[in-house]
Amino acid sequence: MKNIAVIGGEGVLGADLVEYLSPFYSVTPITKQNYKFYIGQSFDIIVNANGNSKRFWANEHVIEDFMLSTATVYKSLFDFKFKKYIYISSSDVYENHGRRSLSKENHLPDIKNLSPYGLHKHLSEIIVKKHAKDYLILRCSMILGKNLKKGPIYDIMHNKSLFISKESRLQMITTKEISNVTNFLVKKKKSNEIFNVGGKGTVSFNNISSFFSNPVKFSKSAEKQTYEINVDKLNKMYNLCSSKSYLQEFLGGLQS
């Protein structure tokens, strides 16, 4: 059985990766508390699900975000020994993440148009590609997991006003499906590739209330957001579900 280390093993995605990958691998969660203990140890696979995930905070705290999201990636590449390195990136590495034609994996972004958050993810990808002989980069859309702590779906669930407008459309995927995709790509021995990971299509916030029993409130300062990256490459080999299905699966899991 291969051994996997999940950096960020207590985070929203990381904790679920540890749980869902454990039936197939010997999984070690690496956290802030035990990071130093594992320095120098060897793993078949490192999955880096660490780093800041708060976009708005990152854009206001550029240096802090760089240290959390990029410097830590660089450090991890030298702190541990590994055969394969899987980096969990973001759809924000595309300057136009709302158009499928401009968000294919081979698209080279104009870095001048990236937000600080997206730029730091982009820089981390470059660092991984340079220093890992065998890597996978997964550019994920909005992530839904049991320990969800932020975002519009979280806000609705906690009766908070949304800061995105009714015209917004968001692509979504669950932490369980990201775990399944990760396992699938490892089993297929995919190497030195980038994959966009998200549901097919988007969830429109014009009818988001149909998914919830409680009322949906929009802030007066709400802005339109559109996220729909091209997932054709992954979908040709792995049958992705729709973003609506992943949202329904997530909400159903909370009720069970």
Protein backbone atom coordinates (compact mmCIF):
# COMPACT_ATOMS: atom_id res chain seq x y z
CA MET A 1 0.00 0.00 0.00
CA LYS A 2 1.40 3.39 -1.01
CA ASN A 3 1.82 6.02 1.67
CA ILE A 4 0.46 9.51 1.15
CA ALA A 5 1.08 12.66 3.15
CA VAL A 6 -1.61 15.34 2.98
CA ILE A 7 -0.22 18.77 3.80
CA GLY A 8 -3.03 20.84 5.28
CA GLY A 9 -4.56 17.68 6.70
CA GLU A 10 -6.93 19.56 9.00
CA GLY A 11 -8.32 21.96 6.37
CA VAL A 12 -11.66 21.84 4.60
CA LEU A 13 -10.26 19.81 1.70
CA GLY A 14 -7.27 18.26 3.45
CA ALA A 15 -9.26 16.61 6.24
CA ASP A 16 -11.63 15.03 3.75
CA LEU A 17 -8.75 13.88 1.54
CA VAL A 18 -7.33 12.08 4.56
CA GLU A 19 -10.69 10.39 5.21
CA TYR A 20 -11.61 9.47 1.64
CA LEU A 21 -8.14 8.32 0.54
CA SER A 22 -7.53 6.20 3.64
CA PRO A 23 -9.26 3.07 2.27
CA PHE A 24 -6.75 2.99 -0.60
CA TYR A 25 -3.53 4.31 0.92
CA SER A 26 -1.69 4.72 4.19
CA VAL A 27 -2.46 8.40 4.77
CA THR A 28 -0.59 10.79 7.05
CA PRO A 29 -2.13 14.21 7.77
CA ILE A 30 0.52 16.91 8.06
CA THR A 31 -0.61 19.94 10.03
CA LYS A 32 0.88 23.05 11.59
CA GLN A 33 1.24 21.11 14.82
CA ASN A 34 3.18 18.09 13.48
CA TYR A 35 4.88 19.55 10.38
CA LYS A 36 8.37 19.71 11.95
CA PHE A 37 8.12 16.10 13.12
CA TYR A 38 7.77 14.82 9.55
CA ILE A 39 10.48 16.95 7.94
CA GLY A 40 12.96 14.69 6.16
CA GLN A 41 10.62 11.71 5.98
CA SER A 42 9.79 9.88 2.75
CA PHE A 43 6.39 9.38 1.12
CA ASP A 44 5.25 7.84 -2.12
CA ILE A 45 2.94 10.81 -2.69
CA ILE A 46 2.67 14.29 -1.25
CA VAL A 47 -0.70 16.00 -1.67
CA ASN A 48 -0.44 19.70 -0.90
CA ALA A 49 -3.88 21.00 0.07
CA ASN A 50 -2.40 23.74 2.21
CA GLY A 51 -2.34 27.51 1.83
CA ASN A 52 -4.74 30.40 2.20
CA SER A 53 -8.12 29.91 0.50
CA LYS A 54 -9.65 33.32 1.22
CA ARG A 55 -9.55 35.28 -2.03
CA PHE A 56 -10.69 38.65 -0.72
CA TRP A 57 -8.35 38.46 2.27
CA ALA A 58 -5.45 37.57 -0.03
CA ASN A 59 -6.04 40.60 -2.23
CA GLU A 60 -5.82 42.87 0.82
CA HIS A 61 -2.91 41.05 2.49
CA VAL A 62 -0.59 40.33 -0.42
CA ILE A 63 2.63 39.57 1.46
CA GLU A 64 0.89 37.39 4.03
CA ASP A 65 -0.87 35.43 1.30
CA PHE A 66 2.41 34.91 -0.58
CA MET A 67 3.98 33.46 2.56
CA LEU A 68 1.01 31.16 3.23
CA SER A 69 0.29 30.05 -0.32
CA THR A 70 3.60 30.15 -2.20
CA ALA A 71 6.54 30.17 0.21
CA THR A 72 5.09 27.14 2.01
CA VAL A 73 4.87 25.22 -1.28
CA TYR A 74 8.51 25.96 -2.01
CA LYS A 75 9.48 24.83 1.49
CA SER A 76 7.52 21.58 1.28
CA LEU A 77 9.34 20.53 -1.89
CA PHE A 78 12.59 20.45 0.07
CA ASP A 79 11.29 19.44 3.52
CA PHE A 80 10.02 16.02 2.41
CA LYS A 81 11.17 13.20 0.15
CA PHE A 82 8.58 11.96 -2.32
CA LYS A 83 8.04 10.18 -5.64
CA LYS A 84 4.97 12.16 -6.77
CA TYR A 85 3.79 15.64 -5.78
CA ILE A 86 0.13 16.64 -6.20
CA TYR A 87 -0.59 20.33 -5.85
CA ILE A 88 -4.16 21.53 -5.27
CA SER A 89 -4.40 24.80 -7.17
CA SER A 90 -7.30 27.08 -8.07
CA SER A 91 -9.37 28.21 -11.04
CA ASP A 92 -8.17 31.72 -10.19
CA VAL A 93 -4.96 31.05 -12.14
CA TYR A 94 -7.06 31.96 -15.20
CA GLU A 95 -7.57 35.68 -15.72
CA ASN A 96 -10.93 34.86 -17.29
CA HIS A 97 -12.30 31.99 -15.23
CA GLY A 98 -15.82 32.52 -16.51
CA ARG A 99 -15.18 31.50 -20.12
CA ARG A 100 -14.54 27.88 -21.00
CA SER A 101 -12.68 28.83 -24.18
CA LEU A 102 -10.12 30.83 -22.17
CA SER A 103 -9.63 28.37 -19.33
CA LYS A 104 -8.17 25.25 -20.86
CA GLU A 105 -5.21 23.69 -19.09
CA ASN A 106 -2.73 24.80 -21.79
CA HIS A 107 -3.80 28.45 -21.59
CA LEU A 108 -0.99 30.77 -20.50
CA PRO A 109 -2.38 33.60 -18.38
CA ASP A 110 -1.39 37.23 -18.66
CA ILE A 111 -0.05 37.60 -15.13
CA LYS A 112 -0.74 41.34 -15.16
CA ASN A 113 -4.45 40.51 -15.11
CA LEU A 114 -4.30 38.02 -12.22
CA SER A 115 -5.37 38.91 -8.71
CA PRO A 116 -2.73 38.49 -5.98
CA TYR A 117 -4.52 35.29 -4.95
CA GLY A 118 -4.44 33.89 -8.49
CA LEU A 119 -0.87 35.03 -9.08
CA HIS A 120 0.39 33.25 -5.98
CA LYS A 121 -1.31 30.01 -7.06
CA HIS A 122 0.23 30.44 -10.52
CA LEU A 123 3.70 30.97 -9.05
CA SER A 124 3.27 27.88 -6.88
CA GLU A 125 2.44 25.82 -9.95
CA ILE A 126 5.64 27.00 -11.65
CA ILE A 127 7.68 26.09 -8.58
CA VAL A 128 6.12 22.61 -8.44
CA LYS A 129 6.78 21.99 -12.14
CA LYS A 130 10.42 23.01 -11.72
CA HIS A 131 11.27 20.99 -8.62
CA ALA A 132 9.04 17.89 -8.76
CA LYS A 133 10.11 15.24 -11.26
CA ASP A 134 6.65 13.68 -11.12
CA TYR A 135 3.75 16.04 -10.43
CA LEU A 136 0.04 16.59 -10.91
CA ILE A 137 -1.64 19.98 -10.61
CA LEU A 138 -5.38 20.07 -9.94
CA ARG A 139 -7.04 23.43 -10.59
CA CYS A 140 -10.22 23.19 -8.56
CA SER A 141 -13.48 25.12 -8.74
CA MET A 142 -15.50 26.02 -5.62
CA ILE A 143 -15.04 23.22 -3.09
CA LEU A 144 -17.87 21.89 -0.93
CA GLY A 145 -16.95 19.81 2.09
CA LYS A 146 -18.22 18.79 5.52
CA ASN A 147 -16.08 21.41 7.24
CA LEU A 148 -17.09 24.28 4.94
CA LYS A 149 -16.27 27.59 6.65
CA LYS A 150 -16.78 30.29 4.02
CA GLY A 151 -18.31 31.17 0.67
CA PRO A 152 -21.86 31.84 -0.58
CA ILE A 153 -23.22 28.36 0.20
CA TYR A 154 -21.91 28.64 3.76
CA ASP A 155 -23.44 32.12 4.05
CA ILE A 156 -26.86 30.89 2.93
CA MET A 157 -26.71 28.03 5.42
CA HIS A 158 -25.93 30.50 8.20
CA ASN A 159 -28.50 33.12 7.16
CA LYS A 160 -25.89 35.64 6.07
CA SER A 161 -26.30 38.08 3.20
CA LEU A 162 -24.48 37.12 0.02
CA PHE A 163 -21.82 39.36 -1.45
CA ILE A 164 -22.43 37.95 -4.92
CA SER A 165 -25.44 38.93 -7.00
CA LYS A 166 -28.34 36.89 -8.37
CA GLU A 167 -26.69 37.04 -11.79
CA SER A 168 -23.70 35.05 -10.52
CA ARG A 169 -22.93 31.54 -11.78
CA LEU A 170 -20.51 29.27 -9.93
CA GLN A 171 -18.94 25.91 -10.75
CA MET A 172 -18.80 23.51 -7.80
CA ILE A 173 -17.40 20.14 -6.74
CA THR A 174 -17.28 18.17 -3.50
CA THR A 175 -14.23 17.19 -1.49
CA LYS A 176 -15.26 13.55 -1.92
CA GLU A 177 -15.17 13.86 -5.71
CA ILE A 178 -11.79 15.60 -5.63
CA SER A 179 -10.55 12.64 -3.57
CA ASN A 180 -12.00 10.24 -6.14
CA VAL A 181 -10.37 12.16 -8.99
CA THR A 182 -7.03 12.17 -7.17
CA ASN A 183 -7.17 8.42 -6.64
CA PHE A 184 -8.23 7.87 -10.27
CA LEU A 185 -5.33 9.91 -11.69
CA VAL A 186 -2.82 8.15 -9.45
CA LYS A 187 -4.14 4.72 -10.47
CA LYS A 188 -3.92 5.78 -14.13
CA LYS A 189 -0.30 6.78 -13.50
CA LYS A 190 -0.84 10.27 -14.86
CA SER A 191 2.32 12.31 -14.55
CA ASN A 192 3.44 15.90 -15.17
CA GLU A 193 -0.02 17.06 -16.16
CA ILE A 194 -2.50 19.74 -15.18
CA PHE A 195 -6.23 19.04 -14.80
CA ASN A 196 -9.14 21.41 -14.26
CA VAL A 197 -11.40 19.84 -11.64
CA GLY A 198 -15.01 20.97 -11.28
CA GLY A 199 -18.59 20.08 -12.00
CA LYS A 200 -20.03 20.34 -15.48
CA GLY A 201 -21.84 23.61 -15.93
CA THR A 202 -22.65 26.03 -13.13
CA VAL A 203 -25.16 26.76 -10.39
CA SER A 204 -27.09 29.95 -11.12
CA PHE A 205 -27.87 32.12 -8.13
CA ASN A 206 -31.04 33.31 -9.83
CA ASN A 207 -32.66 30.10 -8.59
CA ILE A 208 -30.35 29.20 -5.71
CA SER A 209 -33.28 29.45 -3.28
CA SER A 210 -34.69 26.21 -4.74
CA PHE A 211 -31.90 24.29 -2.97
CA PHE A 212 -32.61 25.74 0.49
CA SER A 213 -35.52 25.94 2.92
CA ASN A 214 -34.33 29.19 4.48
CA PRO A 215 -34.55 32.53 2.61
CA VAL A 216 -31.58 33.72 0.54
CA LYS A 217 -30.48 37.29 1.19
CA PHE A 218 -28.32 39.38 -1.14
CA SER A 219 -26.23 42.30 0.07
CA LYS A 220 -26.89 45.71 -1.49
CA SER A 221 -23.22 45.79 -2.51
CA ALA A 222 -23.34 42.31 -4.09
CA GLU A 223 -21.27 41.88 -7.24
CA LYS A 224 -21.62 39.46 -10.12
CA GLN A 225 -19.20 36.52 -10.16
CA THR A 226 -18.83 33.89 -12.85
CA TYR A 227 -16.68 30.78 -12.53
CA GLU A 228 -16.82 28.06 -15.19
CA ILE A 229 -13.49 26.60 -16.22
CA ASN A 230 -13.13 24.05 -19.02
CA VAL A 231 -13.21 20.49 -17.61
CA ASP A 232 -13.29 18.64 -20.95
CA LYS A 233 -9.82 17.12 -20.51
CA LEU A 234 -10.71 15.36 -17.25
CA ASN A 235 -14.28 14.56 -18.30
CA LYS A 236 -13.04 12.58 -21.31
CA MET A 237 -11.49 10.02 -18.98
CA TYR A 238 -13.51 10.48 -15.78
CA ASN A 239 -17.27 10.97 -15.73
CA LEU A 240 -17.82 14.24 -13.88
CA CYS A 241 -21.28 15.17 -12.61
CA SER A 242 -22.93 18.57 -12.90
CA SER A 243 -22.26 21.38 -10.43
CA LYS A 244 -25.94 21.16 -9.43
CA SER A 245 -25.52 17.47 -8.62
CA TYR A 246 -22.48 18.14 -6.45
CA LEU A 247 -24.38 20.86 -4.56
CA GLN A 248 -27.32 18.52 -4.01
CA GLU A 249 -24.95 15.75 -2.88
CA PHE A 250 -23.28 18.11 -0.43
CA LEU A 251 -26.54 19.36 1.06
CA GLY A 252 -27.93 15.82 1.23
CA GLY A 253 -24.84 14.66 3.08
CA LEU A 254 -25.35 17.32 5.73
CA GLN A 255 -28.89 16.11 6.38
CA SER A 256 -28.04 12.41 6.60
